[in-house]
Amino acid sequence: MKLTVMTFNLRVNTPIDGINVWPNRTDRVIEAITEADPDIIGTQEGTLDMLKDLDKGLPEYSRFGRGRLDLEQTETDEFCAVYYKKDLFQIVEEGQFWLSETPDNPGSLSWDSSLPRICSWALLASKIQPDQHFYAYNTHYDHLGQQAREESSRLLIEHITASTGKDVPFLLTGDFNAEPGNLALTMLHESFQSVYSVMNAPPGRTFHGYSGGHDGEPIDFIFASQNIKLLSAYVDTKQRNYGFPSDHYAVIANVKL
């Protein structure tokens, strides 16, 4: 089974962004997703009002994931929501854990983390090939705490390894707030495949602060289990309607399970 997977930090809706506030970017985000036509989309920083906009603009998708404070009706709470094509997949099992020393405690934070951080996940089954299952994980690491990022990687590796075993394939999307040379990313690269490994040129930066450009290194990644074949990947640097969809570029990969 071939899949197209995307990771996309949507940038939270905040007035400090001026002309780049969410209502001015919603159509750009929907257009970027529609053009890429992913089967799975890991999003970060989406608040409930933003996700409701995407629900309307992307009717072929359903989503899973709860807020990082575990209060789904709180408009300002951020999600690591994952969208999936509802005609292609169904959820077998889903959950969420916090990147902390008490991962089952909603809203918990540990180490030097500045905010509660989460990982949303689900075991998905193909509606076309019912015996084909895979896990989808999506996360957003802390932007300030280096220890928190390293411990988050350890926790994530332990959780994924224990849940998926040796046979069930998985995909991991996220904004890791760290570049490839960071120890938190080194640990992930040692355990999983990065889709950047099949690109013909360096991906460049993925966070650009609405200024565009390519110089730098990525902080947004798509990882896969070793039993998934990576086919191709690219970073979507395109402007739409005279502006960028987000302050991050989306990353898209084609894989085969």
C-alpha atoms as a PDB file:
ATOM      1  CA  MET A   1       0.000   0.000   0.000  1.00  0.00           C
ATOM      2  CA  LYS A   2       1.363   3.397  -1.019  1.00  0.00           C
ATOM      3  CA  LEU A   3       0.734   6.428   1.168  1.00  0.00           C
ATOM      4  CA  THR A   4       1.353  10.136   0.950  1.00  0.00           C
ATOM      5  CA  VAL A   5       2.071  11.628   4.371  1.00  0.00           C
ATOM      6  CA  MET A   6       2.465  15.276   5.378  1.00  0.00           C
ATOM      7  CA  THR A   7       3.652  17.085   8.482  1.00  0.00           C
ATOM      8  CA  PHE A   8       2.505  20.678   8.832  1.00  0.00           C
ATOM      9  CA  ASN A   9       2.922  23.144  11.690  1.00  0.00           C
ATOM     10  CA  LEU A  10      -0.102  25.392  11.148  1.00  0.00           C
ATOM     11  CA  ARG A  11       1.106  28.236  13.381  1.00  0.00           C
ATOM     12  CA  VAL A  12      -1.266  29.064  16.203  1.00  0.00           C
ATOM     13  CA  ASN A  13      -3.825  31.827  15.630  1.00  0.00           C
ATOM     14  CA  THR A  14      -2.369  34.917  17.298  1.00  0.00           C
ATOM     15  CA  PRO A  15      -2.873  38.653  16.654  1.00  0.00           C
ATOM     16  CA  ILE A  16       0.865  39.304  16.910  1.00  0.00           C
ATOM     17  CA  ASP A  17       1.197  37.846  13.402  1.00  0.00           C
ATOM     18  CA  GLY A  18      -0.520  40.882  11.897  1.00  0.00           C
ATOM     19  CA  ILE A  19      -1.467  40.200   8.285  1.00  0.00           C
ATOM     20  CA  ASN A  20      -0.532  36.536   8.815  1.00  0.00           C
ATOM     21  CA  VAL A  21      -3.262  35.825  11.372  1.00  0.00           C
ATOM     22  CA  TRP A  22      -5.071  32.544  10.826  1.00  0.00           C
ATOM     23  CA  PRO A  23      -8.198  33.894   9.077  1.00  0.00           C
ATOM     24  CA  ASN A  24      -5.928  35.354   6.372  1.00  0.00           C
ATOM     25  CA  ARG A  25      -4.129  32.028   5.912  1.00  0.00           C
ATOM     26  CA  THR A  26      -6.880  29.442   6.192  1.00  0.00           C
ATOM     27  CA  ASP A  27      -7.487  29.165   2.458  1.00  0.00           C
ATOM     28  CA  ARG A  28      -3.737  28.926   1.801  1.00  0.00           C
ATOM     29  CA  VAL A  29      -3.405  26.014   4.213  1.00  0.00           C
ATOM     30  CA  ILE A  30      -6.378  24.218   2.674  1.00  0.00           C
ATOM     31  CA  GLU A  31      -4.954  24.814  -0.813  1.00  0.00           C
ATOM     32  CA  ALA A  32      -1.527  23.482   0.200  1.00  0.00           C
ATOM     33  CA  ILE A  33      -3.077  20.335   1.653  1.00  0.00           C
ATOM     34  CA  THR A  34      -5.392  19.831  -1.304  1.00  0.00           C
ATOM     35  CA  GLU A  35      -2.510  20.158  -3.771  1.00  0.00           C
ATOM     36  CA  ALA A  36      -0.369  17.615  -1.928  1.00  0.00           C
ATOM     37  CA  ASP A  37      -3.366  15.286  -1.518  1.00  0.00           C
ATOM     38  CA  PRO A  38      -1.913  13.444   1.493  1.00  0.00           C
ATOM     39  CA  ASP A  39      -3.533  10.387   2.979  1.00  0.00           C
ATOM     40  CA  ILE A  40      -2.264  11.278   6.460  1.00  0.00           C
ATOM     41  CA  ILE A  41      -1.511  14.771   7.821  1.00  0.00           C
ATOM     42  CA  GLY A  42       0.201  15.380  11.135  1.00  0.00           C
ATOM     43  CA  THR A  43      -0.556  18.941  12.243  1.00  0.00           C
ATOM     44  CA  GLN A  44       0.874  20.980  15.081  1.00  0.00           C
ATOM     45  CA  GLU A  45      -0.316  24.145  16.867  1.00  0.00           C
ATOM     46  CA  GLY A  46      -3.890  23.854  15.658  1.00  0.00           C
ATOM     47  CA  THR A  47      -6.422  25.230  18.125  1.00  0.00           C
ATOM     48  CA  LEU A  48     -10.024  24.057  18.101  1.00  0.00           C
ATOM     49  CA  ASP A  49     -11.281  27.005  16.048  1.00  0.00           C
ATOM     50  CA  MET A  50      -8.556  26.407  13.471  1.00  0.00           C
ATOM     51  CA  LEU A  51      -9.296  22.693  13.274  1.00  0.00           C
ATOM     52  CA  LYS A  52     -12.988  23.390  12.775  1.00  0.00           C
ATOM     53  CA  ASP A  53     -12.048  25.581   9.797  1.00  0.00           C
ATOM     54  CA  LEU A  54     -10.000  22.730   8.354  1.00  0.00           C
ATOM     55  CA  ASP A  55     -12.825  20.275   9.016  1.00  0.00           C
ATOM     56  CA  LYS A  56     -15.057  22.410   6.795  1.00  0.00           C
ATOM     57  CA  GLY A  57     -12.432  22.944   4.106  1.00  0.00           C
ATOM     58  CA  LEU A  58     -11.267  19.319   4.006  1.00  0.00           C
ATOM     59  CA  PRO A  59     -14.495  17.284   4.163  1.00  0.00           C
ATOM     60  CA  GLU A  60     -12.820  14.112   2.876  1.00  0.00           C
ATOM     61  CA  TYR A  61     -10.792  13.860   6.093  1.00  0.00           C
ATOM     62  CA  SER A  62     -11.503  12.903   9.689  1.00  0.00           C
ATOM     63  CA  ARG A  63      -9.113  13.600  12.544  1.00  0.00           C
ATOM     64  CA  PHE A  64      -7.987  12.311  15.910  1.00  0.00           C
ATOM     65  CA  GLY A  65      -6.090  13.820  18.824  1.00  0.00           C
ATOM     66  CA  ARG A  66      -6.977  15.786  21.955  1.00  0.00           C
ATOM     67  CA  GLY A  67      -5.765  19.124  23.279  1.00  0.00           C
ATOM     68  CA  ARG A  68      -2.535  19.260  25.227  1.00  0.00           C
ATOM     69  CA  LEU A  69      -4.525  20.179  28.348  1.00  0.00           C
ATOM     70  CA  ASP A  70      -6.995  17.410  27.449  1.00  0.00           C
ATOM     71  CA  LEU A  71      -9.856  19.902  27.248  1.00  0.00           C
ATOM     72  CA  GLU A  72     -11.321  19.527  23.782  1.00  0.00           C
ATOM     73  CA  GLN A  73     -13.811  22.366  24.204  1.00  0.00           C
ATOM     74  CA  THR A  74     -11.188  24.953  25.154  1.00  0.00           C
ATOM     75  CA  GLU A  75     -10.776  27.133  22.082  1.00  0.00           C
ATOM     76  CA  THR A  76      -7.170  28.147  22.857  1.00  0.00           C
ATOM     77  CA  ASP A  77      -5.817  24.694  23.697  1.00  0.00           C
ATOM     78  CA  GLU A  78      -3.361  23.408  21.081  1.00  0.00           C
ATOM     79  CA  PHE A  79      -3.656  20.008  19.438  1.00  0.00           C
ATOM     80  CA  CYS A  80      -1.374  17.622  17.593  1.00  0.00           C
ATOM     81  CA  ALA A  81      -4.322  16.599  15.448  1.00  0.00           C
ATOM     82  CA  VAL A  82      -3.869  13.993  12.726  1.00  0.00           C
ATOM     83  CA  TYR A  83      -6.098  14.092   9.665  1.00  0.00           C
ATOM     84  CA  TYR A  84      -6.702  10.932   7.630  1.00  0.00           C
ATOM     85  CA  LYS A  85      -8.824  10.149   4.576  1.00  0.00           C
ATOM     86  CA  LYS A  86     -11.967   8.656   6.037  1.00  0.00           C
ATOM     87  CA  ASP A  87     -12.824   6.656   2.917  1.00  0.00           C
ATOM     88  CA  LEU A  88      -9.458   4.896   3.093  1.00  0.00           C
ATOM     89  CA  PHE A  89      -8.870   4.238   6.790  1.00  0.00           C
ATOM     90  CA  GLN A  90     -10.625   3.469  10.028  1.00  0.00           C
ATOM     91  CA  ILE A  91      -9.304   3.802  13.550  1.00  0.00           C
ATOM     92  CA  VAL A  92      -8.720   0.536  15.377  1.00  0.00           C
ATOM     93  CA  GLU A  93      -7.267   2.132  18.498  1.00  0.00           C
ATOM     94  CA  GLU A  94      -6.169   5.632  19.458  1.00  0.00           C
ATOM     95  CA  GLY A  95      -4.563   7.450  22.335  1.00  0.00           C
ATOM     96  CA  GLN A  96      -2.402  10.296  23.512  1.00  0.00           C
ATOM     97  CA  PHE A  97       0.428  10.662  25.975  1.00  0.00           C
ATOM     98  CA  TRP A  98       2.249  13.618  27.454  1.00  0.00           C
ATOM     99  CA  LEU A  99       5.966  14.154  26.989  1.00  0.00           C
ATOM    100  CA  SER A 100       6.704  14.088  30.687  1.00  0.00           C
ATOM    101  CA  GLU A 101       7.671  11.795  33.534  1.00  0.00           C
ATOM    102  CA  THR A 102       3.949  11.092  33.996  1.00  0.00           C
ATOM    103  CA  PRO A 103       2.859  10.560  30.373  1.00  0.00           C
ATOM    104  CA  ASP A 104      -0.680   9.466  31.283  1.00  0.00           C
ATOM    105  CA  ASN A 105      -1.339  12.618  33.298  1.00  0.00           C
ATOM    106  CA  PRO A 106      -3.094  15.253  31.139  1.00  0.00           C
ATOM    107  CA  GLY A 107      -1.377  18.623  31.113  1.00  0.00           C
ATOM    108  CA  SER A 108       1.769  17.291  32.793  1.00  0.00           C
ATOM    109  CA  LEU A 109       5.211  18.682  32.071  1.00  0.00           C
ATOM    110  CA  SER A 110       8.672  17.723  33.291  1.00  0.00           C
ATOM    111  CA  TRP A 111      12.373  18.480  32.981  1.00  0.00           C
ATOM    112  CA  ASP A 112      12.953  21.982  31.559  1.00  0.00           C
ATOM    113  CA  SER A 113       9.858  21.986  29.357  1.00  0.00           C
ATOM    114  CA  SER A 114       8.155  25.379  29.079  1.00  0.00           C
ATOM    115  CA  LEU A 115       4.725  23.987  28.183  1.00  0.00           C
ATOM    116  CA  PRO A 116       2.836  20.684  28.258  1.00  0.00           C
ATOM    117  CA  ARG A 117       3.772  18.687  25.159  1.00  0.00           C
ATOM    118  CA  ILE A 118       1.966  15.724  23.658  1.00  0.00           C
ATOM    119  CA  CYS A 119       2.047  12.876  21.182  1.00  0.00           C
ATOM    120  CA  SER A 120      -1.212  11.777  19.557  1.00  0.00           C
ATOM    121  CA  TRP A 121      -1.387   8.344  17.952  1.00  0.00           C
ATOM    122  CA  ALA A 122      -3.724   5.828  16.355  1.00  0.00           C
ATOM    123  CA  LEU A 123      -3.624   2.365  14.885  1.00  0.00           C
ATOM    124  CA  LEU A 124      -5.261   2.680  11.469  1.00  0.00           C
ATOM    125  CA  ALA A 125      -6.620  -0.086   9.259  1.00  0.00           C
ATOM    126  CA  SER A 126      -7.074   0.161   5.522  1.00  0.00           C
ATOM    127  CA  LYS A 127     -10.697  -0.090   4.376  1.00  0.00           C
ATOM    128  CA  ILE A 128      -9.441  -1.419   1.032  1.00  0.00           C
ATOM    129  CA  GLN A 129      -6.956  -3.916   2.446  1.00  0.00           C
ATOM    130  CA  PRO A 130      -8.386  -4.716   5.902  1.00  0.00           C
ATOM    131  CA  ASP A 131      -5.373  -6.786   6.914  1.00  0.00           C
ATOM    132  CA  GLN A 132      -3.084  -3.764   6.409  1.00  0.00           C
ATOM    133  CA  HIS A 133      -2.503  -1.855   9.644  1.00  0.00           C
ATOM    134  CA  PHE A 134      -0.111   0.897  10.594  1.00  0.00           C
ATOM    135  CA  TYR A 135       0.432   3.335  13.436  1.00  0.00           C
ATOM    136  CA  ALA A 136       0.407   7.098  12.948  1.00  0.00           C
ATOM    137  CA  TYR A 137       2.174   9.214  15.584  1.00  0.00           C
ATOM    138  CA  ASN A 138       2.310  12.989  15.679  1.00  0.00           C
ATOM    139  CA  THR A 139       4.124  15.221  18.138  1.00  0.00           C
ATOM    140  CA  HIS A 140       5.461  18.689  18.919  1.00  0.00           C
ATOM    141  CA  TYR A 141       8.582  19.023  21.084  1.00  0.00           C
ATOM    142  CA  ASP A 142       9.282  21.886  23.461  1.00  0.00           C
ATOM    143  CA  HIS A 143      10.835  24.960  21.864  1.00  0.00           C
ATOM    144  CA  LEU A 144      12.999  25.938  24.855  1.00  0.00           C
ATOM    145  CA  GLY A 145      14.019  22.904  26.905  1.00  0.00           C
ATOM    146  CA  GLN A 146      16.881  20.845  25.528  1.00  0.00           C
ATOM    147  CA  GLN A 147      16.609  18.238  28.280  1.00  0.00           C
ATOM    148  CA  ALA A 148      12.892  18.029  27.560  1.00  0.00           C
ATOM    149  CA  ARG A 149      13.585  17.376  23.876  1.00  0.00           C
ATOM    150  CA  GLU A 150      16.092  14.629  24.661  1.00  0.00           C
ATOM    151  CA  GLU A 151      13.831  12.968  27.218  1.00  0.00           C
ATOM    152  CA  SER A 152      10.907  13.279  24.820  1.00  0.00           C
ATOM    153  CA  SER A 153      12.861  11.311  22.224  1.00  0.00           C
ATOM    154  CA  ARG A 154      13.655   8.594  24.749  1.00  0.00           C
ATOM    155  CA  LEU A 155      10.016   8.390  25.779  1.00  0.00           C
ATOM    156  CA  LEU A 156       8.810   8.363  22.192  1.00  0.00           C
ATOM    157  CA  ILE A 157      11.215   5.607  21.145  1.00  0.00           C
ATOM    158  CA  GLU A 158      10.221   3.478  24.139  1.00  0.00           C
ATOM    159  CA  HIS A 159       6.518   3.967  23.525  1.00  0.00           C
ATOM    160  CA  ILE A 160       6.665   3.273  19.796  1.00  0.00           C
ATOM    161  CA  THR A 161       8.908   0.231  20.220  1.00  0.00           C
ATOM    162  CA  ALA A 162       6.663  -1.253  22.896  1.00  0.00           C
ATOM    163  CA  SER A 163       3.447  -0.576  20.964  1.00  0.00           C
ATOM    164  CA  THR A 164       4.375  -1.532  17.427  1.00  0.00           C
ATOM    165  CA  GLY A 165       6.690  -4.464  18.078  1.00  0.00           C
ATOM    166  CA  LYS A 166       8.772  -5.700  15.157  1.00  0.00           C
ATOM    167  CA  ASP A 167       6.099  -6.117  12.508  1.00  0.00           C
ATOM    168  CA  VAL A 168       3.542  -3.281  12.542  1.00  0.00           C
ATOM    169  CA  PRO A 169       4.750  -0.335  10.434  1.00  0.00           C
ATOM    170  CA  PHE A 170       4.517   3.195  11.783  1.00  0.00           C
ATOM    171  CA  LEU A 171       4.903   6.791  10.704  1.00  0.00           C
ATOM    172  CA  LEU A 172       5.983   9.624  12.976  1.00  0.00           C
ATOM    173  CA  THR A 173       5.356  13.251  12.029  1.00  0.00           C
ATOM    174  CA  GLY A 174       6.186  16.325  14.015  1.00  0.00           C
ATOM    175  CA  ASP A 175       7.787  19.644  14.753  1.00  0.00           C
ATOM    176  CA  PHE A 176      10.783  18.663  16.865  1.00  0.00           C
ATOM    177  CA  ASN A 177      12.098  22.187  17.467  1.00  0.00           C
ATOM    178  CA  ALA A 178      15.618  20.906  16.878  1.00  0.00           C
ATOM    179  CA  GLU A 179      17.912  20.526  13.892  1.00  0.00           C
ATOM    180  CA  PRO A 180      19.411  17.202  12.723  1.00  0.00           C
ATOM    181  CA  GLY A 181      22.632  17.554  14.739  1.00  0.00           C
ATOM    182  CA  ASN A 182      20.761  17.949  18.014  1.00  0.00           C
ATOM    183  CA  LEU A 183      20.999  14.915  20.308  1.00  0.00           C
ATOM    184  CA  ALA A 184      17.212  14.658  20.460  1.00  0.00           C
ATOM    185  CA  LEU A 185      17.177  14.173  16.685  1.00  0.00           C
ATOM    186  CA  THR A 186      20.258  11.974  16.650  1.00  0.00           C
ATOM    187  CA  MET A 187      18.431   9.468  18.827  1.00  0.00           C
ATOM    188  CA  LEU A 188      15.477   9.387  16.449  1.00  0.00           C
ATOM    189  CA  HIS A 189      17.713   9.008  13.405  1.00  0.00           C
ATOM    190  CA  GLU A 190      19.478   6.070  15.074  1.00  0.00           C
ATOM    191  CA  SER A 191      16.149   4.309  15.663  1.00  0.00           C
ATOM    192  CA  PHE A 192      13.981   5.270  12.685  1.00  0.00           C
ATOM    193  CA  GLN A 193      14.226   6.268   9.021  1.00  0.00           C
ATOM    194  CA  SER A 194      13.958   9.911   8.014  1.00  0.00           C
ATOM    195  CA  VAL A 195      12.236  10.708   4.724  1.00  0.00           C
ATOM    196  CA  TYR A 196      14.929  13.288   4.042  1.00  0.00           C
ATOM    197  CA  SER A 197      17.248  10.372   3.275  1.00  0.00           C
ATOM    198  CA  VAL A 198      15.595   9.925  -0.129  1.00  0.00           C
ATOM    199  CA  MET A 199      15.849  13.567  -1.179  1.00  0.00           C
ATOM    200  CA  ASN A 200      18.428  14.432  -3.826  1.00  0.00           C
ATOM    201  CA  ALA A 201      19.380  17.690  -2.110  1.00  0.00           C
ATOM    202  CA  PRO A 202      19.382  18.950   1.492  1.00  0.00           C
ATOM    203  CA  PRO A 203      15.877  19.922   2.618  1.00  0.00           C
ATOM    204  CA  GLY A 204      16.924  23.325   3.930  1.00  0.00           C
ATOM    205  CA  ARG A 205      15.066  25.046   6.697  1.00  0.00           C
ATOM    206  CA  THR A 206      11.439  24.284   7.414  1.00  0.00           C
ATOM    207  CA  PHE A 207      10.809  27.113   9.880  1.00  0.00           C
ATOM    208  CA  HIS A 208      11.010  30.462   8.081  1.00  0.00           C
ATOM    209  CA  GLY A 209       8.904  32.891  10.108  1.00  0.00           C
ATOM    210  CA  TYR A 210       6.859  33.943   7.036  1.00  0.00           C
ATOM    211  CA  SER A 211      10.034  35.164   5.357  1.00  0.00           C
ATOM    212  CA  GLY A 212      10.600  32.171   3.071  1.00  0.00           C
ATOM    213  CA  GLY A 213      14.073  31.127   1.977  1.00  0.00           C
ATOM    214  CA  HIS A 214      15.980  27.863   2.032  1.00  0.00           C
ATOM    215  CA  ASP A 215      19.174  28.498   4.033  1.00  0.00           C
ATOM    216  CA  GLY A 216      19.386  26.480   7.226  1.00  0.00           C
ATOM    217  CA  GLU A 217      18.277  23.087   8.480  1.00  0.00           C
ATOM    218  CA  PRO A 218      14.881  21.511   9.136  1.00  0.00           C
ATOM    219  CA  ILE A 219      13.098  21.165  12.448  1.00  0.00           C
ATOM    220  CA  ASP A 220      10.026  19.432  10.960  1.00  0.00           C
ATOM    221  CA  PHE A 221      10.442  15.724  10.186  1.00  0.00           C
ATOM    222  CA  ILE A 222       8.707  12.587   9.019  1.00  0.00           C
ATOM    223  CA  PHE A 223      10.136   9.331  10.358  1.00  0.00           C
ATOM    224  CA  ALA A 224       9.162   5.783   9.448  1.00  0.00           C
ATOM    225  CA  SER A 225       9.776   2.273  10.704  1.00  0.00           C
ATOM    226  CA  GLN A 226      12.461   0.236   8.989  1.00  0.00           C
ATOM    227  CA  ASN A 227       9.859  -1.974   7.285  1.00  0.00           C
ATOM    228  CA  ILE A 228       8.448   0.963   5.296  1.00  0.00           C
ATOM    229  CA  LYS A 229       9.953   1.775   1.910  1.00  0.00           C
ATOM    230  CA  LEU A 230      10.642   5.473   1.412  1.00  0.00           C
ATOM    231  CA  LEU A 231       9.906   6.520  -2.171  1.00  0.00           C
ATOM    232  CA  SER A 232      10.266  10.310  -2.324  1.00  0.00           C
ATOM    233  CA  ALA A 233       9.997  13.463  -0.242  1.00  0.00           C
ATOM    234  CA  TYR A 234       9.916  17.215  -0.676  1.00  0.00           C
ATOM    235  CA  VAL A 235       9.468  20.464   1.229  1.00  0.00           C
ATOM    236  CA  ASP A 236       6.624  22.668   0.015  1.00  0.00           C
ATOM    237  CA  THR A 237       8.108  26.176  -0.152  1.00  0.00           C
ATOM    238  CA  LYS A 238       5.384  27.615  -2.372  1.00  0.00           C
ATOM    239  CA  GLN A 239       3.585  30.884  -1.649  1.00  0.00           C
ATOM    240  CA  ARG A 240      -0.133  31.018  -2.286  1.00  0.00           C
ATOM    241  CA  ASN A 241      -2.212  34.137  -2.896  1.00  0.00           C
ATOM    242  CA  TYR A 242       0.817  36.347  -2.188  1.00  0.00           C
ATOM    243  CA  GLY A 243       1.637  34.782   1.143  1.00  0.00           C
ATOM    244  CA  PHE A 244       2.809  31.675   2.966  1.00  0.00           C
ATOM    245  CA  PRO A 245       0.305  29.247   4.480  1.00  0.00           C
ATOM    246  CA  SER A 246       2.284  29.138   7.742  1.00  0.00           C
ATOM    247  CA  ASP A 247       5.582  30.164   9.319  1.00  0.00           C
ATOM    248  CA  HIS A 248       6.690  26.555   8.684  1.00  0.00           C
ATOM    249  CA  TYR A 249       6.918  24.768   5.374  1.00  0.00           C
ATOM    250  CA  ALA A 250       4.971  21.550   5.052  1.00  0.00           C
ATOM    251  CA  VAL A 251       6.977  18.355   4.458  1.00  0.00           C
ATOM    252  CA  ILE A 252       5.481  15.663   2.219  1.00  0.00           C
ATOM    253  CA  ALA A 253       6.641  12.098   1.592  1.00  0.00           C
ATOM    254  CA  ASN A 254       5.516   9.134  -0.483  1.00  0.00           C
ATOM    255  CA  VAL A 255       6.040   5.760   1.130  1.00  0.00           C
ATOM    256  CA  LYS A 256       5.102   2.131   0.619  1.00  0.00           C
ATOM    257  CA  LEU A 257       3.972  -0.187   3.377  1.00  0.00           C
END
